[in-house]
C-alpha cells in the first residue's frame, strides 16, 4: 500500500482547519498539546509506516483559521472542531490520539461521542489541569519577559526556552532534539485561553478501547497522571516509557510506534 501525504481542509462554519495526512494503514487523528502549539513537533515518522496519521492544526495556529474576536479557545470549541475532523475521515474506523492539552480534548470528545471512534490514545496527559498547573504554564510562557507576550515571535521564544526541561535526557541527546525545539512555534491567543479542567467525573463514560502512554520522567503528566486515567477509564491499558519525559514519540520512537501498532492492529 502506498503512503499518503496530503493536506486536507475541514470546514467548521466559516472556519478552516488544516490537517496533514501522512502514512498508510488505520487512520489516527492526532491532536497536539498547547493550547497554541503547532502540530509539527508531534510528527511520528515511524508510526506512519503502519498508520495514516492525521495531524490537526488547531484553530488559531499555523494555516488554520482563527476564532472571531471575543470567541474563546475553550474545551467545548476544541471538541466541536475535533468532531468535525473525525467525521471528515470517518468513512473508515478512526483512532484518536491526544497529547498534553490535546488529551483533555480527546477525553472530552470520546466521553460524549463514542460513535465512529475505534479507540483512544491518551499521551502525556491526565484528567485534571488545576490552578497550580495553569499558573506554571503561564509563568513558562511569560517568564523573563520585560513586556507581555502578545505575538507569535515572543510566545515561540518563551516556549523554546522551556521545552528542553520536558525531555528526560535533553543535554545528552541535544543533537537529536535541538532541531525539534528550534522548529516549534506557539500562538499566544489560544495559550492565554487555557482554563482549568477536571474530567474525572466523565472518565467512566469512555467505553472505547483506550491506551494511556506516559513518560516516567514527565514532570507534568507522568505515571501518577496515567494512574488517575487508568483508575477512571474502564479497561484502559497503561504503558510507561522509562527513558522519556513528555515526548516519548521522540525519545523512544521505536517502542512508541510498536505500542500504537499493537493497539490498533
C-alpha atoms as a PDB file:
ATOM      1  CA  UNK A   1       0.000   0.000   0.000  1.00  0.00           C
ATOM      2  CA  UNK A   2       1.441   3.383  -0.994  1.00  0.00           C
ATOM      3  CA  UNK A   3       1.947   6.002   1.701  1.00  0.00           C
ATOM      4  CA  UNK A   4      -0.341   9.012   1.722  1.00  0.00           C
ATOM      5  CA  UNK A   5       0.951  12.561   2.006  1.00  0.00           C
ATOM      6  CA  UNK A   6      -1.595  15.304   1.607  1.00  0.00           C
ATOM      7  CA  UNK A   7      -3.118  18.442   3.084  1.00  0.00           C
ATOM      8  CA  UNK A   8      -6.814  18.334   3.901  1.00  0.00           C
ATOM      9  CA  UNK A   9      -9.020  21.281   4.894  1.00  0.00           C
ATOM     10  CA  UNK A  10     -12.021  20.696   7.165  1.00  0.00           C
ATOM     11  CA  UNK A  11     -14.634  23.421   7.303  1.00  0.00           C
ATOM     12  CA  UNK A  12     -16.427  24.279  10.560  1.00  0.00           C
ATOM     13  CA  UNK A  13     -18.829  27.021   9.617  1.00  0.00           C
ATOM     14  CA  UNK A  14     -16.666  29.848   8.292  1.00  0.00           C
ATOM     15  CA  UNK A  15     -13.529  28.414   9.915  1.00  0.00           C
ATOM     16  CA  UNK A  16     -10.944  26.302   8.073  1.00  0.00           C
ATOM     17  CA  UNK A  17      -8.997  23.625   9.961  1.00  0.00           C
ATOM     18  CA  UNK A  18      -5.922  22.255   8.192  1.00  0.00           C
ATOM     19  CA  UNK A  19      -4.995  18.592   8.609  1.00  0.00           C
ATOM     20  CA  UNK A  20      -1.782  16.952   7.404  1.00  0.00           C
ATOM     21  CA  UNK A  21      -2.247  13.344   6.299  1.00  0.00           C
ATOM     22  CA  UNK A  22       0.828  11.122   6.364  1.00  0.00           C
ATOM     23  CA  UNK A  23       1.413   7.368   6.127  1.00  0.00           C
ATOM     24  CA  UNK A  24      -0.688   4.298   5.442  1.00  0.00           C
ATOM     25  CA  UNK A  25      -2.894   1.910   7.380  1.00  0.00           C
ATOM     26  CA  UNK A  26      -5.507   2.545  10.104  1.00  0.00           C
ATOM     27  CA  UNK A  27      -6.445   6.198  10.477  1.00  0.00           C
ATOM     28  CA  UNK A  28      -5.351   8.048  13.608  1.00  0.00           C
ATOM     29  CA  UNK A  29      -6.260  11.692  14.223  1.00  0.00           C
ATOM     30  CA  UNK A  30      -3.529  13.291  16.361  1.00  0.00           C
ATOM     31  CA  UNK A  31      -4.276  16.468  18.335  1.00  0.00           C
ATOM     32  CA  UNK A  32      -1.213  18.394  19.591  1.00  0.00           C
ATOM     33  CA  UNK A  33      -0.600  19.860  23.025  1.00  0.00           C
ATOM     34  CA  UNK A  34      -0.700  23.507  23.937  1.00  0.00           C
ATOM     35  CA  UNK A  35      -3.031  25.177  23.566  1.00  0.00           C
ATOM     36  CA  UNK A  36      -1.322  27.240  20.901  1.00  0.00           C
ATOM     37  CA  UNK A  37       1.415  24.804  19.835  1.00  0.00           C
ATOM     38  CA  UNK A  38       1.979  23.945  16.203  1.00  0.00           C
ATOM     39  CA  UNK A  39       1.466  20.363  15.084  1.00  0.00           C
ATOM     40  CA  UNK A  40       4.905  19.586  13.623  1.00  0.00           C
ATOM     41  CA  UNK A  41       6.607  18.563  16.880  1.00  0.00           C
ATOM     42  CA  UNK A  42       4.084  15.682  17.086  1.00  0.00           C
ATOM     43  CA  UNK A  43       5.122  14.182  13.751  1.00  0.00           C
ATOM     44  CA  UNK A  44       5.676  10.409  14.141  1.00  0.00           C
ATOM     45  CA  UNK A  45       7.517   9.040  11.083  1.00  0.00           C
ATOM     46  CA  UNK A  46       7.795   5.505  12.481  1.00  0.00           C
ATOM     47  CA  UNK A  47       4.080   5.387  13.288  1.00  0.00           C
ATOM     48  CA  UNK A  48       3.371   6.485   9.716  1.00  0.00           C
ATOM     49  CA  UNK A  49       4.741   3.168   8.459  1.00  0.00           C
ATOM     50  CA  UNK A  50       1.653   1.406   9.853  1.00  0.00           C
ATOM     51  CA  UNK A  51      -0.914   4.183  10.295  1.00  0.00           C
ATOM     52  CA  UNK A  52      -2.436   7.008   8.330  1.00  0.00           C
ATOM     53  CA  UNK A  53      -1.628   9.781  10.779  1.00  0.00           C
ATOM     54  CA  UNK A  54      -3.898  12.814  10.507  1.00  0.00           C
ATOM     55  CA  UNK A  55      -2.198  15.727  12.280  1.00  0.00           C
ATOM     56  CA  UNK A  56      -4.527  18.589  13.196  1.00  0.00           C
ATOM     57  CA  UNK A  57      -3.562  22.256  13.139  1.00  0.00           C
ATOM     58  CA  UNK A  58      -5.908  23.576  15.855  1.00  0.00           C
ATOM     59  CA  UNK A  59      -7.750  26.843  15.366  1.00  0.00           C
ATOM     60  CA  UNK A  60      -5.517  29.859  15.861  1.00  0.00           C
ATOM     61  CA  UNK A  61      -2.320  28.014  14.874  1.00  0.00           C
ATOM     62  CA  UNK A  62      -0.472  27.520  11.602  1.00  0.00           C
ATOM     63  CA  UNK A  63      -2.592  27.718   8.482  1.00  0.00           C
ATOM     64  CA  UNK A  64      -5.872  27.046  10.294  1.00  0.00           C
ATOM     65  CA  UNK A  65      -8.240  29.936  10.795  1.00  0.00           C
ATOM     66  CA  UNK A  66      -8.549  31.954  13.983  1.00  0.00           C
ATOM     67  CA  UNK A  67     -11.703  32.343  16.025  1.00  0.00           C
ATOM     68  CA  UNK A  68     -13.552  35.639  15.656  1.00  0.00           C
ATOM     69  CA  UNK A  69     -12.876  38.355  18.194  1.00  0.00           C
ATOM     70  CA  UNK A  70     -14.408  37.597  21.579  1.00  0.00           C
ATOM     71  CA  UNK A  71     -14.747  33.858  20.962  1.00  0.00           C
ATOM     72  CA  UNK A  72     -12.923  31.669  23.473  1.00  0.00           C
ATOM     73  CA  UNK A  73     -10.467  28.890  22.698  1.00  0.00           C
ATOM     74  CA  UNK A  74     -12.195  26.717  25.270  1.00  0.00           C
ATOM     75  CA  UNK A  75     -12.626  22.977  25.624  1.00  0.00           C
ATOM     76  CA  UNK A  76     -16.088  22.868  24.043  1.00  0.00           C
ATOM     77  CA  UNK A  77     -14.810  24.707  20.964  1.00  0.00           C
ATOM     78  CA  UNK A  78     -11.878  22.338  20.516  1.00  0.00           C
ATOM     79  CA  UNK A  79     -14.169  19.320  20.979  1.00  0.00           C
ATOM     80  CA  UNK A  80     -16.531  20.545  18.279  1.00  0.00           C
ATOM     81  CA  UNK A  81     -13.578  21.064  15.931  1.00  0.00           C
ATOM     82  CA  UNK A  82     -12.228  17.585  16.630  1.00  0.00           C
ATOM     83  CA  UNK A  83     -15.665  16.140  15.924  1.00  0.00           C
ATOM     84  CA  UNK A  84     -15.662  17.827  12.503  1.00  0.00           C
ATOM     85  CA  UNK A  85     -12.219  16.391  11.709  1.00  0.00           C
ATOM     86  CA  UNK A  86     -13.151  12.849  12.771  1.00  0.00           C
ATOM     87  CA  UNK A  87     -16.362  12.997  10.745  1.00  0.00           C
ATOM     88  CA  UNK A  88     -14.403  14.136   7.687  1.00  0.00           C
ATOM     89  CA  UNK A  89     -12.387  10.908   7.776  1.00  0.00           C
ATOM     90  CA  UNK A  90     -15.000   8.564   9.257  1.00  0.00           C
ATOM     91  CA  UNK A  91     -15.693   6.519   6.129  1.00  0.00           C
ATOM     92  CA  UNK A  92     -13.163   4.181   7.806  1.00  0.00           C
ATOM     93  CA  UNK A  93     -12.650   3.483  11.544  1.00  0.00           C
ATOM     94  CA  UNK A  94     -10.717   6.331  13.190  1.00  0.00           C
ATOM     95  CA  UNK A  95      -8.472   6.219  16.239  1.00  0.00           C
ATOM     96  CA  UNK A  96      -7.962   9.449  18.182  1.00  0.00           C
ATOM     97  CA  UNK A  97      -4.705  10.466  19.894  1.00  0.00           C
ATOM     98  CA  UNK A  98      -4.347  13.465  22.197  1.00  0.00           C
ATOM     99  CA  UNK A  99      -1.047  14.782  23.569  1.00  0.00           C
ATOM    100  CA  UNK A 100      -0.971  17.016  26.655  1.00  0.00           C
ATOM    101  CA  UNK A 101      -3.795  19.550  26.346  1.00  0.00           C
ATOM    102  CA  UNK A 102      -4.892  17.583  23.284  1.00  0.00           C
ATOM    103  CA  UNK A 103      -5.594  14.738  25.703  1.00  0.00           C
ATOM    104  CA  UNK A 104      -8.196  16.846  27.534  1.00  0.00           C
ATOM    105  CA  UNK A 105      -9.897  17.465  24.205  1.00  0.00           C
ATOM    106  CA  UNK A 106      -9.888  13.824  23.147  1.00  0.00           C
ATOM    107  CA  UNK A 107     -11.086  12.616  26.570  1.00  0.00           C
ATOM    108  CA  UNK A 108     -13.999  15.020  26.499  1.00  0.00           C
ATOM    109  CA  UNK A 109     -14.802  14.206  22.889  1.00  0.00           C
ATOM    110  CA  UNK A 110     -14.829  10.431  23.274  1.00  0.00           C
ATOM    111  CA  UNK A 111     -16.740  10.578  26.578  1.00  0.00           C
ATOM    112  CA  UNK A 112     -19.547  12.400  24.812  1.00  0.00           C
ATOM    113  CA  UNK A 113     -19.384  10.941  21.293  1.00  0.00           C
ATOM    114  CA  UNK A 114     -18.098   7.349  21.191  1.00  0.00           C
ATOM    115  CA  UNK A 115     -19.727   6.567  17.824  1.00  0.00           C
ATOM    116  CA  UNK A 116     -17.241   6.381  14.978  1.00  0.00           C
ATOM    117  CA  UNK A 117     -14.144   6.235  17.189  1.00  0.00           C
ATOM    118  CA  UNK A 118     -12.279   2.910  17.066  1.00  0.00           C
ATOM    119  CA  UNK A 119     -10.018   3.670  20.022  1.00  0.00           C
ATOM    120  CA  UNK A 120      -8.447   6.401  22.149  1.00  0.00           C
ATOM    121  CA  UNK A 121      -4.752   7.052  22.837  1.00  0.00           C
ATOM    122  CA  UNK A 122      -4.097   9.397  25.774  1.00  0.00           C
ATOM    123  CA  UNK A 123      -0.496  10.502  25.584  1.00  0.00           C
ATOM    124  CA  UNK A 124       1.373  12.512  28.247  1.00  0.00           C
ATOM    125  CA  UNK A 125      -1.864  13.833  29.656  1.00  0.00           C
ATOM    126  CA  UNK A 126      -4.165  13.470  32.642  1.00  0.00           C
ATOM    127  CA  UNK A 127      -7.745  14.076  33.729  1.00  0.00           C
ATOM    128  CA  UNK A 128      -7.056  17.336  35.608  1.00  0.00           C
ATOM    129  CA  UNK A 129      -5.392  20.686  34.915  1.00  0.00           C
ATOM    130  CA  UNK A 130      -5.624  22.589  38.188  1.00  0.00           C
ATOM    131  CA  UNK A 131      -4.856  26.170  39.161  1.00  0.00           C
ATOM    132  CA  UNK A 132      -1.237  25.377  40.069  1.00  0.00           C
ATOM    133  CA  UNK A 133      -0.587  23.811  36.659  1.00  0.00           C
ATOM    134  CA  UNK A 134      -2.165  26.780  34.891  1.00  0.00           C
ATOM    135  CA  UNK A 135      -0.042  29.209  36.878  1.00  0.00           C
ATOM    136  CA  UNK A 136       3.110  27.266  35.954  1.00  0.00           C
ATOM    137  CA  UNK A 137       2.159  27.166  32.276  1.00  0.00           C
ATOM    138  CA  UNK A 138       1.535  30.908  32.170  1.00  0.00           C
ATOM    139  CA  UNK A 139       4.772  31.609  34.042  1.00  0.00           C
ATOM    140  CA  UNK A 140       6.643  29.497  31.499  1.00  0.00           C
ATOM    141  CA  UNK A 141       5.118  31.468  28.649  1.00  0.00           C
ATOM    142  CA  UNK A 142       5.839  34.876  30.182  1.00  0.00           C
ATOM    143  CA  UNK A 143       8.963  34.237  32.268  1.00  0.00           C
ATOM    144  CA  UNK A 144      11.780  36.754  31.994  1.00  0.00           C
ATOM    145  CA  UNK A 145       9.585  38.834  29.689  1.00  0.00           C
ATOM    146  CA  UNK A 146      10.039  42.574  30.002  1.00  0.00           C
ATOM    147  CA  UNK A 147       6.749  43.044  28.138  1.00  0.00           C
ATOM    148  CA  UNK A 148       3.658  40.885  27.879  1.00  0.00           C
ATOM    149  CA  UNK A 149       3.681  38.123  25.293  1.00  0.00           C
ATOM    150  CA  UNK A 150       1.249  39.255  22.600  1.00  0.00           C
ATOM    151  CA  UNK A 151       2.733  37.928  19.378  1.00  0.00           C
ATOM    152  CA  UNK A 152       3.847  34.661  17.842  1.00  0.00           C
ATOM    153  CA  UNK A 153       7.548  35.538  17.926  1.00  0.00           C
ATOM    154  CA  UNK A 154       7.733  36.239  21.654  1.00  0.00           C
ATOM    155  CA  UNK A 155       5.436  33.339  22.596  1.00  0.00           C
ATOM    156  CA  UNK A 156       7.535  30.987  20.472  1.00  0.00           C
ATOM    157  CA  UNK A 157      10.765  32.223  22.051  1.00  0.00           C
ATOM    158  CA  UNK A 158       9.415  31.556  25.557  1.00  0.00           C
ATOM    159  CA  UNK A 159       8.209  28.077  24.612  1.00  0.00           C
ATOM    160  CA  UNK A 160      11.538  27.123  23.054  1.00  0.00           C
ATOM    161  CA  UNK A 161      13.261  28.147  26.264  1.00  0.00           C
ATOM    162  CA  UNK A 162      11.045  25.868  28.365  1.00  0.00           C
ATOM    163  CA  UNK A 163      10.832  22.722  26.215  1.00  0.00           C
ATOM    164  CA  UNK A 164      14.287  21.218  26.913  1.00  0.00           C
ATOM    165  CA  UNK A 165      13.297  20.646  30.545  1.00  0.00           C
ATOM    166  CA  UNK A 166      10.484  18.363  29.374  1.00  0.00           C
ATOM    167  CA  UNK A 167      12.863  15.804  27.849  1.00  0.00           C
ATOM    168  CA  UNK A 168      14.395  13.115  30.062  1.00  0.00           C
ATOM    169  CA  UNK A 169      17.923  13.418  28.616  1.00  0.00           C
ATOM    170  CA  UNK A 170      17.977  16.596  26.574  1.00  0.00           C
ATOM    171  CA  UNK A 171      21.637  17.537  27.126  1.00  0.00           C
ATOM    172  CA  UNK A 172      22.910  14.048  26.354  1.00  0.00           C
ATOM    173  CA  UNK A 173      20.828  13.903  23.149  1.00  0.00           C
ATOM    174  CA  UNK A 174      20.783  17.561  22.203  1.00  0.00           C
ATOM    175  CA  UNK A 175      21.840  16.853  18.616  1.00  0.00           C
ATOM    176  CA  UNK A 176      18.603  14.861  18.158  1.00  0.00           C
ATOM    177  CA  UNK A 177      16.186  17.118  19.976  1.00  0.00           C
ATOM    178  CA  UNK A 178      17.508  20.644  19.372  1.00  0.00           C
ATOM    179  CA  UNK A 179      16.103  20.784  15.813  1.00  0.00           C
ATOM    180  CA  UNK A 180      12.632  19.929  17.146  1.00  0.00           C
ATOM    181  CA  UNK A 181      12.839  22.640  19.794  1.00  0.00           C
ATOM    182  CA  UNK A 182      14.169  25.153  17.261  1.00  0.00           C
ATOM    183  CA  UNK A 183      11.269  24.448  14.909  1.00  0.00           C
ATOM    184  CA  UNK A 184       8.402  24.585  17.408  1.00  0.00           C
ATOM    185  CA  UNK A 185       6.006  27.532  17.230  1.00  0.00           C
ATOM    186  CA  UNK A 186       3.380  28.945  19.576  1.00  0.00           C
ATOM    187  CA  UNK A 187       0.453  31.344  19.179  1.00  0.00           C
ATOM    188  CA  UNK A 188      -0.360  33.402  22.309  1.00  0.00           C
ATOM    189  CA  UNK A 189      -4.136  33.836  21.975  1.00  0.00           C
ATOM    190  CA  UNK A 190      -5.017  30.128  22.313  1.00  0.00           C
ATOM    191  CA  UNK A 191      -2.381  29.744  25.036  1.00  0.00           C
ATOM    192  CA  UNK A 192      -3.821  32.597  27.073  1.00  0.00           C
ATOM    193  CA  UNK A 193      -7.288  30.985  26.998  1.00  0.00           C
ATOM    194  CA  UNK A 194      -6.083  27.792  28.739  1.00  0.00           C
ATOM    195  CA  UNK A 195      -8.547  27.181  31.582  1.00  0.00           C
ATOM    196  CA  UNK A 196      -8.803  24.708  34.449  1.00  0.00           C
ATOM    197  CA  UNK A 197     -10.118  21.253  33.532  1.00  0.00           C
ATOM    198  CA  UNK A 198     -11.370  18.371  35.667  1.00  0.00           C
ATOM    199  CA  UNK A 199     -12.644  15.419  33.645  1.00  0.00           C
ATOM    200  CA  UNK A 200     -12.503  12.766  36.366  1.00  0.00           C
ATOM    201  CA  UNK A 201     -16.283  12.578  36.570  1.00  0.00           C
ATOM    202  CA  UNK A 202     -16.549  11.802  32.843  1.00  0.00           C
ATOM    203  CA  UNK A 203     -13.916   9.088  32.512  1.00  0.00           C
ATOM    204  CA  UNK A 204     -16.349   6.236  33.177  1.00  0.00           C
ATOM    205  CA  UNK A 205     -18.258   7.319  30.047  1.00  0.00           C
ATOM    206  CA  UNK A 206     -15.284   6.399  27.848  1.00  0.00           C
ATOM    207  CA  UNK A 207     -16.231   2.978  26.537  1.00  0.00           C
ATOM    208  CA  UNK A 208     -13.910   2.598  23.535  1.00  0.00           C
ATOM    209  CA  UNK A 209     -10.570   0.734  23.848  1.00  0.00           C
ATOM    210  CA  UNK A 210      -8.088   3.119  25.478  1.00  0.00           C
ATOM    211  CA  UNK A 211      -4.300   3.178  25.642  1.00  0.00           C
ATOM    212  CA  UNK A 212      -2.548   5.512  28.100  1.00  0.00           C
ATOM    213  CA  UNK A 213       1.074   6.447  27.384  1.00  0.00           C
ATOM    214  CA  UNK A 214       3.292   8.329  29.837  1.00  0.00           C
ATOM    215  CA  UNK A 215       6.962   9.136  30.344  1.00  0.00           C
ATOM    216  CA  UNK A 216       8.428   8.134  33.693  1.00  0.00           C
ATOM    217  CA  UNK A 217      10.269  11.476  33.809  1.00  0.00           C
ATOM    218  CA  UNK A 218       7.411  13.681  32.658  1.00  0.00           C
ATOM    219  CA  UNK A 219       7.244  16.407  35.311  1.00  0.00           C
ATOM    220  CA  UNK A 220       3.695  17.418  34.324  1.00  0.00           C
ATOM    221  CA  UNK A 221       1.778  14.269  33.303  1.00  0.00           C
ATOM    222  CA  UNK A 222       3.864  11.315  34.448  1.00  0.00           C
ATOM    223  CA  UNK A 223       2.924   7.929  35.933  1.00  0.00           C
ATOM    224  CA  UNK A 224       0.677   9.482  38.595  1.00  0.00           C
ATOM    225  CA  UNK A 225      -1.497  11.156  35.972  1.00  0.00           C
ATOM    226  CA  UNK A 226      -1.543   7.938  33.942  1.00  0.00           C
ATOM    227  CA  UNK A 227      -2.706   6.025  37.027  1.00  0.00           C
ATOM    228  CA  UNK A 228      -5.527   8.530  37.568  1.00  0.00           C
ATOM    229  CA  UNK A 229      -6.685   7.983  33.991  1.00  0.00           C
ATOM    230  CA  UNK A 230      -6.399   4.219  34.348  1.00  0.00           C
ATOM    231  CA  UNK A 231      -8.498   4.293  37.516  1.00  0.00           C
ATOM    232  CA  UNK A 232     -11.301   6.137  35.741  1.00  0.00           C
ATOM    233  CA  UNK A 233     -11.410   4.699  32.210  1.00  0.00           C
ATOM    234  CA  UNK A 234     -12.915   1.185  32.105  1.00  0.00           C
ATOM    235  CA  UNK A 235     -10.495  -1.392  30.740  1.00  0.00           C
ATOM    236  CA  UNK A 236      -7.756   1.107  29.850  1.00  0.00           C
ATOM    237  CA  UNK A 237      -4.184  -0.109  29.334  1.00  0.00           C
ATOM    238  CA  UNK A 238      -1.111   1.814  30.510  1.00  0.00           C
ATOM    239  CA  UNK A 239       2.441   1.859  29.151  1.00  0.00           C
ATOM    240  CA  UNK A 240       5.249   3.809  30.849  1.00  0.00           C
ATOM    241  CA  UNK A 241       8.364   4.943  28.981  1.00  0.00           C
ATOM    242  CA  UNK A 242      11.199   4.722  31.495  1.00  0.00           C
ATOM    243  CA  UNK A 243      13.643   6.873  29.497  1.00  0.00           C
ATOM    244  CA  UNK A 244      11.231   9.593  28.422  1.00  0.00           C
ATOM    245  CA  UNK A 245       9.842  12.845  29.663  1.00  0.00           C
ATOM    246  CA  UNK A 246       6.913  14.403  27.843  1.00  0.00           C
ATOM    247  CA  UNK A 247       7.947  13.420  24.303  1.00  0.00           C
ATOM    248  CA  UNK A 248       8.189   9.629  24.169  1.00  0.00           C
ATOM    249  CA  UNK A 249       7.443   9.627  20.427  1.00  0.00           C
ATOM    250  CA  UNK A 250      10.831  11.370  20.030  1.00  0.00           C
ATOM    251  CA  UNK A 251      12.721   9.885  22.975  1.00  0.00           C
ATOM    252  CA  UNK A 252      11.695   6.228  22.488  1.00  0.00           C
ATOM    253  CA  UNK A 253      10.203   6.267  18.971  1.00  0.00           C
ATOM    254  CA  UNK A 254      10.531   2.584  18.138  1.00  0.00           C
ATOM    255  CA  UNK A 255       8.702   1.397  21.248  1.00  0.00           C
ATOM    256  CA  UNK A 256       6.141   4.163  20.801  1.00  0.00           C
ATOM    257  CA  UNK A 257       5.378   3.059  17.227  1.00  0.00           C
ATOM    258  CA  UNK A 258       5.257  -0.589  18.306  1.00  0.00           C
ATOM    259  CA  UNK A 259       2.699   0.124  21.035  1.00  0.00           C
ATOM    260  CA  UNK A 260       0.499   2.055  18.615  1.00  0.00           C
ATOM    261  CA  UNK A 261       0.685  -0.754  16.065  1.00  0.00           C
ATOM    262  CA  UNK A 262      -0.129  -3.360  18.731  1.00  0.00           C
ATOM    263  CA  UNK A 263      -3.093  -1.300  19.972  1.00  0.00           C
ATOM    264  CA  UNK A 264      -4.630  -0.507  16.593  1.00  0.00           C
ATOM    265  CA  UNK A 265      -3.848  -3.805  14.869  1.00  0.00           C
END
